[in-house]
């Protein structure tokens, strides 16, 4: 009997050791896949044009995984070397803090969470295993640690930071600007004061919801599809005071309408598809796109199948073409969704594939400059917090 207990305990400890050693890495490799894209090569014109671009992506989920952002990985879509190879200027790093089990594109409840197990497998602080708020704080620390480790990565918090970074980058094309974003205000855990703490932690873009409803309002893929709650209205007013950029990705149509009624500043949809190009429940209707453009907002087009119909660059470019024709090229951006438990046909080092696809869609040189990063940089220059809020 003692031997059985000893063997059982040994086996249990071995399983725990394996889980904490490779569990998070296994999940990462399984959930973030880059397919081989055959017979698609950028033209000489695309290569020359791409060298002159400022490239900025509004959404990637790299912080969720057990990786060192500053070193090359042979899997996944985002790391610092890949960004440099792709000629990026700026990347928005998003903190995903909760994801429902059996995730789908129709209706998700709030009563389950896959990231609890992942946070344990990643060896995050125990507090973060049980608290969405502390998961957000920890992911902000992960990005800050990467910035401290590499002189090629700069954290941008204000308009002045961005302007200074852009001046520096003129003489160093290997520098990447990083901005912190939050995927859902369930991170507040219903506590109004936590908004200030998350702002102090460095979050400058905040999504209101994710795949499920929360205290702020309804998700496009939640159960209620409701609009803005009273608590949500208080939060929106405070976000505007602090000049936090509001991200309406995953928001229900009712929530989007309610937010646009009361905001005084432009909003973004960091990563999405559009129904006119590919009819998915999470994608934006023409009416919503027009309302966001009227607000002065920006729409980031995603790179994954459920957003644009396929992972091929031409599908992404087709969604960009549709959106640009409807609301104007000045309101369109990149919102890759890289490393968001998705499959793509290229990683950040091959972002030139989008440049090529936009050329094939007959966008002009000036239009491609705007889509690939010009619009994003201009928006951030005017809408990141000014120093008066720090």
Protein backbone atom coordinates (compact mmCIF):
# COMPACT_ATOMS: atom_id res chain seq x y z
CA UNK A 1 0.00 0.00 0.00
CA UNK A 2 2.84 2.36 0.86
CA UNK A 3 4.50 1.59 -2.45
CA UNK A 4 1.26 2.33 -4.30
CA UNK A 5 0.91 5.67 -2.52
CA UNK A 6 4.57 6.46 -3.26
CA UNK A 7 4.20 5.59 -6.95
CA UNK A 8 0.95 7.53 -7.22
CA UNK A 9 2.51 10.59 -5.60
CA UNK A 10 5.57 10.32 -7.83
CA UNK A 11 3.38 10.08 -10.93
CA UNK A 12 1.31 13.06 -9.77
CA UNK A 13 4.45 15.15 -9.23
CA UNK A 14 5.80 14.11 -12.61
CA UNK A 15 2.58 15.16 -14.32
CA UNK A 16 2.73 18.52 -12.51
CA UNK A 17 6.34 19.00 -13.57
CA UNK A 18 5.49 18.30 -17.21
CA UNK A 19 2.44 20.59 -17.03
CA UNK A 20 4.40 23.54 -15.63
CA UNK A 21 7.37 22.91 -17.93
CA UNK A 22 5.73 22.48 -21.32
CA UNK A 23 1.96 22.83 -20.90
CA UNK A 24 1.81 26.46 -21.97
CA UNK A 25 4.26 25.94 -24.82
CA UNK A 26 2.26 22.98 -26.13
CA UNK A 27 -0.95 25.03 -26.08
CA UNK A 28 0.82 27.84 -27.93
CA UNK A 29 2.11 25.58 -30.71
CA UNK A 30 -1.25 23.85 -31.03
CA UNK A 31 -3.37 27.01 -31.12
CA UNK A 32 -1.21 29.43 -33.14
CA UNK A 33 -0.38 27.85 -36.47
CA UNK A 34 1.16 29.39 -39.57
CA UNK A 35 0.27 27.49 -42.72
CA UNK A 36 2.64 27.32 -45.65
CA UNK A 37 1.57 29.72 -48.39
CA UNK A 38 2.62 28.31 -51.74
CA UNK A 39 3.04 30.15 -55.03
CA UNK A 40 2.67 33.61 -53.57
CA UNK A 41 5.71 35.84 -53.87
CA UNK A 42 5.89 39.63 -53.57
CA UNK A 43 6.81 41.47 -56.75
CA UNK A 44 9.87 43.66 -57.13
CA UNK A 45 7.56 46.68 -56.97
CA UNK A 46 6.08 45.42 -53.67
CA UNK A 47 9.57 44.93 -52.22
CA UNK A 48 10.64 48.45 -53.13
CA UNK A 49 7.39 49.99 -51.90
CA UNK A 50 7.46 47.99 -48.67
CA UNK A 51 10.85 49.45 -47.69
CA UNK A 52 9.30 52.93 -47.50
CA UNK A 53 6.25 51.98 -45.43
CA UNK A 54 5.48 52.75 -41.83
CA UNK A 55 3.77 49.56 -40.66
CA UNK A 56 1.54 49.48 -37.60
CA UNK A 57 -0.77 46.70 -36.42
CA UNK A 58 -3.60 47.39 -33.98
CA UNK A 59 -3.92 43.94 -32.42
CA UNK A 60 -1.80 40.91 -31.47
CA UNK A 61 -2.05 38.51 -28.52
CA UNK A 62 1.59 37.53 -28.03
CA UNK A 63 1.56 38.32 -24.29
CA UNK A 64 -0.78 35.40 -23.61
CA UNK A 65 1.85 32.77 -24.38
CA UNK A 66 4.92 31.30 -22.68
CA UNK A 67 7.52 32.99 -24.89
CA UNK A 68 10.33 35.51 -24.76
CA UNK A 69 9.12 38.36 -26.97
CA UNK A 70 12.68 39.56 -27.60
CA UNK A 71 13.98 36.33 -29.17
CA UNK A 72 13.07 34.38 -32.29
CA UNK A 73 10.65 31.49 -31.95
CA UNK A 74 10.13 28.82 -34.59
CA UNK A 75 6.37 28.98 -34.10
CA UNK A 76 3.73 31.65 -33.66
CA UNK A 77 3.37 34.92 -35.51
CA UNK A 78 4.89 37.72 -33.41
CA UNK A 79 8.28 38.27 -31.81
CA UNK A 80 10.73 41.15 -31.98
CA UNK A 81 12.94 39.67 -34.72
CA UNK A 82 9.89 38.89 -36.86
CA UNK A 83 8.61 42.46 -36.44
CA UNK A 84 11.98 43.89 -37.43
CA UNK A 85 12.22 41.56 -40.42
CA UNK A 86 8.75 42.67 -41.53
CA UNK A 87 9.76 46.36 -41.33
CA UNK A 88 7.22 47.16 -38.62
CA UNK A 89 7.24 50.50 -36.86
CA UNK A 90 4.62 49.86 -34.18
CA UNK A 91 2.74 46.93 -32.68
CA UNK A 92 -0.21 47.06 -30.29
CA UNK A 93 0.13 44.21 -27.78
CA UNK A 94 -3.17 43.04 -26.39
CA UNK A 95 -3.78 41.35 -23.04
CA UNK A 96 -6.32 38.54 -23.33
CA UNK A 97 -7.55 37.62 -19.86
CA UNK A 98 -10.57 35.34 -20.31
CA UNK A 99 -11.79 33.00 -23.01
CA UNK A 100 -14.87 30.75 -22.71
CA UNK A 101 -14.77 27.01 -23.21
CA UNK A 102 -16.35 25.74 -26.44
CA UNK A 103 -15.79 29.19 -27.95
CA UNK A 104 -17.99 29.81 -30.97
CA UNK A 105 -19.13 32.64 -33.23
CA UNK A 106 -22.78 32.64 -32.14
CA UNK A 107 -23.31 32.69 -28.37
CA UNK A 108 -20.94 32.30 -25.42
CA UNK A 109 -21.72 32.36 -21.72
CA UNK A 110 -19.59 33.93 -19.00
CA UNK A 111 -19.39 30.88 -16.72
CA UNK A 112 -16.21 29.21 -18.03
CA UNK A 113 -12.65 30.22 -18.78
CA UNK A 114 -9.78 28.54 -20.62
CA UNK A 115 -7.14 31.06 -19.55
CA UNK A 116 -7.26 29.98 -15.91
CA UNK A 117 -5.51 26.73 -16.83
CA UNK A 118 -3.19 28.49 -19.28
CA UNK A 119 -2.08 31.05 -16.69
CA UNK A 120 -1.10 28.18 -14.38
CA UNK A 121 0.70 26.34 -17.20
CA UNK A 122 2.56 29.56 -18.03
CA UNK A 123 3.72 29.77 -14.40
CA UNK A 124 2.16 33.19 -13.90
CA UNK A 125 1.81 34.43 -10.31
CA UNK A 126 -0.80 32.41 -8.40
CA UNK A 127 -2.90 35.55 -7.87
CA UNK A 128 -3.43 35.76 -11.63
CA UNK A 129 -4.83 32.22 -11.76
CA UNK A 130 -7.94 33.45 -9.97
CA UNK A 131 -8.16 37.15 -10.88
CA UNK A 132 -8.80 38.71 -14.30
CA UNK A 133 -7.53 42.03 -12.97
CA UNK A 134 -4.22 40.52 -11.90
CA UNK A 135 -3.86 38.73 -15.24
CA UNK A 136 -4.03 42.14 -16.91
CA UNK A 137 -1.44 43.55 -14.52
CA UNK A 138 0.87 40.60 -15.10
CA UNK A 139 0.70 40.89 -18.89
CA UNK A 140 1.60 44.57 -18.64
CA UNK A 141 4.66 43.52 -16.67
CA UNK A 142 5.58 40.97 -19.33
CA UNK A 143 5.72 43.70 -21.97
CA UNK A 144 7.63 46.07 -19.70
CA UNK A 145 10.17 43.34 -18.99
CA UNK A 146 10.69 42.84 -22.72
CA UNK A 147 11.19 46.59 -23.15
CA UNK A 148 13.79 46.60 -20.37
CA UNK A 149 15.55 43.62 -21.94
CA UNK A 150 15.79 45.02 -25.47
CA UNK A 151 16.85 48.49 -26.59
CA UNK A 152 15.01 47.77 -29.84
CA UNK A 153 11.59 47.84 -28.15
CA UNK A 154 10.09 51.08 -26.79
CA UNK A 155 6.91 51.36 -24.71
CA UNK A 156 4.71 54.23 -25.87
CA UNK A 157 2.33 55.81 -23.34
CA UNK A 158 1.65 59.32 -24.60
CA UNK A 159 1.49 61.47 -27.71
CA UNK A 160 4.90 62.90 -26.80
CA UNK A 161 6.33 59.39 -26.44
CA UNK A 162 5.11 58.52 -29.92
CA UNK A 163 6.51 61.67 -31.51
CA UNK A 164 9.88 61.14 -29.81
CA UNK A 165 9.96 57.49 -30.85
CA UNK A 166 9.24 58.37 -34.49
CA UNK A 167 12.10 60.88 -34.49
CA UNK A 168 14.45 58.22 -33.09
CA UNK A 169 13.30 55.65 -35.60
CA UNK A 170 14.29 57.81 -38.57
CA UNK A 171 17.88 56.90 -37.69
CA UNK A 172 17.20 53.33 -36.50
CA UNK A 173 14.83 51.19 -38.55
CA UNK A 174 15.29 48.33 -36.09
CA UNK A 175 13.32 49.97 -33.30
CA UNK A 176 9.74 48.86 -32.65
CA UNK A 177 7.17 50.90 -30.74
CA UNK A 178 4.86 48.98 -28.39
CA UNK A 179 1.45 50.00 -27.05
CA UNK A 180 -0.53 48.10 -24.42
CA UNK A 181 -4.15 47.18 -25.08
CA UNK A 182 -6.72 45.28 -23.02
CA UNK A 183 -9.18 42.75 -24.41
CA UNK A 184 -12.26 43.40 -22.31
CA UNK A 185 -13.17 45.40 -19.22
CA UNK A 186 -14.19 42.30 -17.29
CA UNK A 187 -10.62 43.00 -16.12
CA UNK A 188 -12.15 45.62 -13.81
CA UNK A 189 -13.95 42.86 -11.92
CA UNK A 190 -16.78 45.36 -11.37
CA UNK A 191 -14.52 47.78 -9.50
CA UNK A 192 -14.53 51.32 -10.90
CA UNK A 193 -11.20 52.15 -9.21
CA UNK A 194 -9.42 49.39 -11.10
CA UNK A 195 -9.66 51.48 -14.27
CA UNK A 196 -7.15 53.94 -12.86
CA UNK A 197 -4.83 51.11 -11.79
CA UNK A 198 -4.89 49.59 -15.26
CA UNK A 199 -4.18 53.00 -16.78
CA UNK A 200 -1.22 53.40 -14.41
CA UNK A 201 -0.05 49.93 -15.46
CA UNK A 202 0.32 51.28 -19.00
CA UNK A 203 -2.90 50.34 -20.80
CA UNK A 204 -3.74 53.00 -23.38
CA UNK A 205 -6.29 51.10 -25.52
CA UNK A 206 -9.10 49.19 -23.87
CA UNK A 207 -11.63 46.89 -25.47
CA UNK A 208 -15.00 46.86 -23.73
CA UNK A 209 -15.92 43.21 -24.22
CA UNK A 210 -14.59 39.96 -25.64
CA UNK A 211 -16.54 36.82 -26.68
CA UNK A 212 -19.06 37.17 -23.87
CA UNK A 213 -21.10 39.83 -22.05
CA UNK A 214 -19.72 41.65 -19.03
CA UNK A 215 -20.52 44.53 -16.65
CA UNK A 216 -19.99 47.06 -19.44
CA UNK A 217 -22.42 45.64 -21.99
CA UNK A 218 -23.12 42.98 -24.58
CA UNK A 219 -20.74 41.13 -26.86
CA UNK A 220 -21.59 40.41 -30.49
CA UNK A 221 -20.95 36.78 -29.56
CA UNK A 222 -22.46 36.86 -26.07
CA UNK A 223 -25.89 35.78 -24.93
CA UNK A 224 -27.74 39.07 -24.45
CA UNK A 225 -26.47 41.28 -27.33
CA UNK A 226 -27.43 44.16 -25.01
CA UNK A 227 -26.21 47.74 -25.11
CA UNK A 228 -24.27 49.84 -22.61
CA UNK A 229 -25.02 49.35 -18.91
CA UNK A 230 -25.14 52.17 -16.36
CA UNK A 231 -21.79 51.00 -15.04
CA UNK A 232 -20.53 51.02 -18.60
CA UNK A 233 -21.60 54.64 -19.06
CA UNK A 234 -19.59 55.65 -15.99
CA UNK A 235 -16.58 53.80 -17.31
CA UNK A 236 -16.84 55.37 -20.77
CA UNK A 237 -16.93 58.87 -19.27
CA UNK A 238 -13.86 58.11 -17.17
CA UNK A 239 -12.01 56.59 -20.13
CA UNK A 240 -12.60 59.76 -22.11
CA UNK A 241 -11.32 61.91 -19.24
CA UNK A 242 -8.12 59.88 -19.19
CA UNK A 243 -7.92 59.86 -23.01
CA UNK A 244 -7.95 56.08 -23.09
CA UNK A 245 -8.71 54.85 -26.61
CA UNK A 246 -11.96 52.86 -26.71
CA UNK A 247 -11.87 49.65 -28.72
CA UNK A 248 -15.23 48.32 -29.92
CA UNK A 249 -13.94 44.97 -31.20
CA UNK A 250 -16.40 42.17 -30.34
CA UNK A 251 -19.03 44.67 -29.19
CA UNK A 252 -22.68 43.99 -29.99
CA UNK A 253 -24.40 46.33 -32.42
CA UNK A 254 -26.44 47.72 -29.51
CA UNK A 255 -23.30 48.38 -27.50
CA UNK A 256 -21.61 50.11 -30.43
CA UNK A 257 -24.65 52.33 -31.00
CA UNK A 258 -24.87 53.28 -27.31
CA UNK A 259 -21.15 54.09 -27.10
CA UNK A 260 -21.17 56.22 -30.24
CA UNK A 261 -24.07 58.25 -28.85
CA UNK A 262 -22.05 59.47 -25.87
CA UNK A 263 -18.38 59.55 -26.84
CA UNK A 264 -16.65 62.78 -27.78
CA UNK A 265 -13.47 61.15 -29.06
CA UNK A 266 -12.87 58.78 -31.98
CA UNK A 267 -12.96 55.04 -31.32
CA UNK A 268 -11.32 52.03 -32.98
CA UNK A 269 -12.32 48.51 -33.83
CA UNK A 270 -8.90 46.96 -33.46
CA UNK A 271 -9.50 43.63 -35.22
CA UNK A 272 -12.54 42.57 -37.19
CA UNK A 273 -14.02 41.50 -40.48
CA UNK A 274 -16.86 43.14 -42.39
CA UNK A 275 -20.15 41.54 -43.37
CA UNK A 276 -20.09 43.02 -46.87
CA UNK A 277 -16.96 41.02 -47.62
CA UNK A 278 -17.60 37.94 -45.46
CA UNK A 279 -20.83 37.45 -43.52
CA UNK A 280 -19.83 36.28 -40.04
CA UNK A 281 -21.73 37.07 -36.79
CA UNK A 282 -18.72 38.91 -35.37
CA UNK A 283 -18.23 41.08 -38.45
CA UNK A 284 -19.36 44.68 -38.84
CA UNK A 285 -22.37 45.71 -40.92
CA UNK A 286 -22.23 48.56 -43.41
CA UNK A 287 -24.29 50.73 -41.07
CA UNK A 288 -21.85 50.19 -38.18
CA UNK A 289 -18.86 50.87 -40.42
CA UNK A 290 -20.41 54.13 -41.58
CA UNK A 291 -21.17 55.17 -38.00
CA UNK A 292 -17.56 54.51 -36.94
CA UNK A 293 -16.25 56.50 -39.90
CA UNK A 294 -18.58 59.38 -39.01
CA UNK A 295 -17.12 59.27 -35.49
CA UNK A 296 -13.64 59.66 -37.00
CA UNK A 297 -12.75 56.13 -35.99
CA UNK A 298 -10.49 53.45 -37.38
CA UNK A 299 -11.27 49.85 -38.39
CA UNK A 300 -8.53 47.21 -38.20
CA UNK A 301 -9.09 44.33 -40.63
CA UNK A 302 -8.14 40.90 -39.25
CA UNK A 303 -6.05 38.19 -40.88
CA UNK A 304 -7.82 35.01 -39.75
CA UNK A 305 -10.36 32.83 -41.55
CA UNK A 306 -13.42 33.66 -39.41
CA UNK A 307 -12.87 37.37 -40.09
CA UNK A 308 -12.21 37.43 -43.83
CA UNK A 309 -13.23 34.01 -45.18
CA UNK A 310 -9.76 32.50 -45.68
CA UNK A 311 -6.23 33.02 -44.46
CA UNK A 312 -4.93 34.05 -47.87
CA UNK A 313 -3.61 37.62 -48.23
CA UNK A 314 -5.99 38.24 -51.13
CA UNK A 315 -8.98 37.65 -48.83
CA UNK A 316 -7.60 40.17 -46.35
CA UNK A 317 -7.03 42.69 -49.14
CA UNK A 318 -10.56 42.10 -50.46
CA UNK A 319 -11.99 43.00 -47.04
CA UNK A 320 -9.79 46.10 -46.96
CA UNK A 321 -10.98 47.04 -50.45
CA UNK A 322 -14.65 46.66 -49.50
CA UNK A 323 -14.23 48.71 -46.34
CA UNK A 324 -12.20 51.42 -48.07
CA UNK A 325 -14.75 51.76 -50.87
CA UNK A 326 -17.57 52.05 -48.32
CA UNK A 327 -16.15 54.44 -45.71
CA UNK A 328 -12.93 55.79 -47.21
CA UNK A 329 -9.35 54.59 -47.03
CA UNK A 330 -8.55 57.01 -44.17
CA UNK A 331 -10.58 54.85 -41.77
CA UNK A 332 -8.97 51.49 -42.57
CA UNK A 333 -6.06 49.81 -40.76
CA UNK A 334 -4.38 46.48 -40.03
CA UNK A 335 -5.73 44.46 -37.10
CA UNK A 336 -4.00 41.14 -37.59
CA UNK A 337 -5.14 39.18 -34.54
CA UNK A 338 -1.75 37.45 -34.68
CA UNK A 339 -1.18 34.88 -31.91
CA UNK A 340 -4.84 35.05 -30.92
CA UNK A 341 -5.34 31.26 -31.02
CA UNK A 342 -5.81 31.53 -34.78
CA UNK A 343 -4.30 30.06 -37.92
CA UNK A 344 -2.78 32.38 -40.53
CA UNK A 345 -0.88 31.87 -43.77
CA UNK A 346 2.07 34.10 -42.78
CA UNK A 347 3.66 35.66 -39.72
CA UNK A 348 4.81 39.22 -39.02
CA UNK A 349 8.05 38.75 -40.94
CA UNK A 350 5.99 38.24 -44.12
CA UNK A 351 3.66 41.21 -43.74
CA UNK A 352 4.89 42.22 -47.21
CA UNK A 353 2.30 39.70 -48.47
CA UNK A 354 -0.36 42.25 -47.52
CA UNK A 355 1.52 44.95 -49.42
CA UNK A 356 1.50 42.71 -52.49
CA UNK A 357 -2.20 41.86 -52.07
CA UNK A 358 -3.09 45.56 -51.80
CA UNK A 359 -1.17 46.24 -55.01
CA UNK A 360 -3.19 43.50 -56.69
CA UNK A 361 -6.36 45.21 -55.40
CA UNK A 362 -5.25 48.34 -57.29
CA UNK A 363 -4.63 50.52 -54.28
CA UNK A 364 -2.31 53.42 -55.01
CA UNK A 365 1.05 53.94 -53.33
CA UNK A 366 -0.39 56.67 -51.09
CA UNK A 367 -3.38 54.51 -50.15
CA UNK A 368 -1.14 51.56 -49.26
CA UNK A 369 0.97 53.85 -47.06
CA UNK A 370 -2.17 54.86 -45.15
CA UNK A 371 -3.55 51.34 -44.71
CA UNK A 372 -0.30 49.71 -43.66
CA UNK A 373 0.46 52.23 -40.95
CA UNK A 374 -0.08 55.86 -41.84
CA UNK A 375 -3.67 55.91 -40.61
CA UNK A 376 -2.73 54.16 -37.38
CA UNK A 377 0.13 56.53 -36.58
CA UNK A 378 -1.96 59.60 -37.35
CA UNK A 379 -4.80 58.34 -35.14
CA UNK A 380 -2.47 57.60 -32.24
CA UNK A 381 -0.71 60.95 -32.54
CA UNK A 382 -4.01 62.69 -31.84
CA UNK A 383 -5.69 60.20 -29.51
CA UNK A 384 -3.10 58.74 -27.17
CA UNK A 385 -3.15 60.49 -23.79
CA UNK A 386 -1.47 63.86 -23.62
CA UNK A 387 0.95 64.50 -20.75
CA UNK A 388 -1.71 66.40 -18.81
CA UNK A 389 -3.33 63.06 -17.92
CA UNK A 390 -0.20 61.57 -16.35
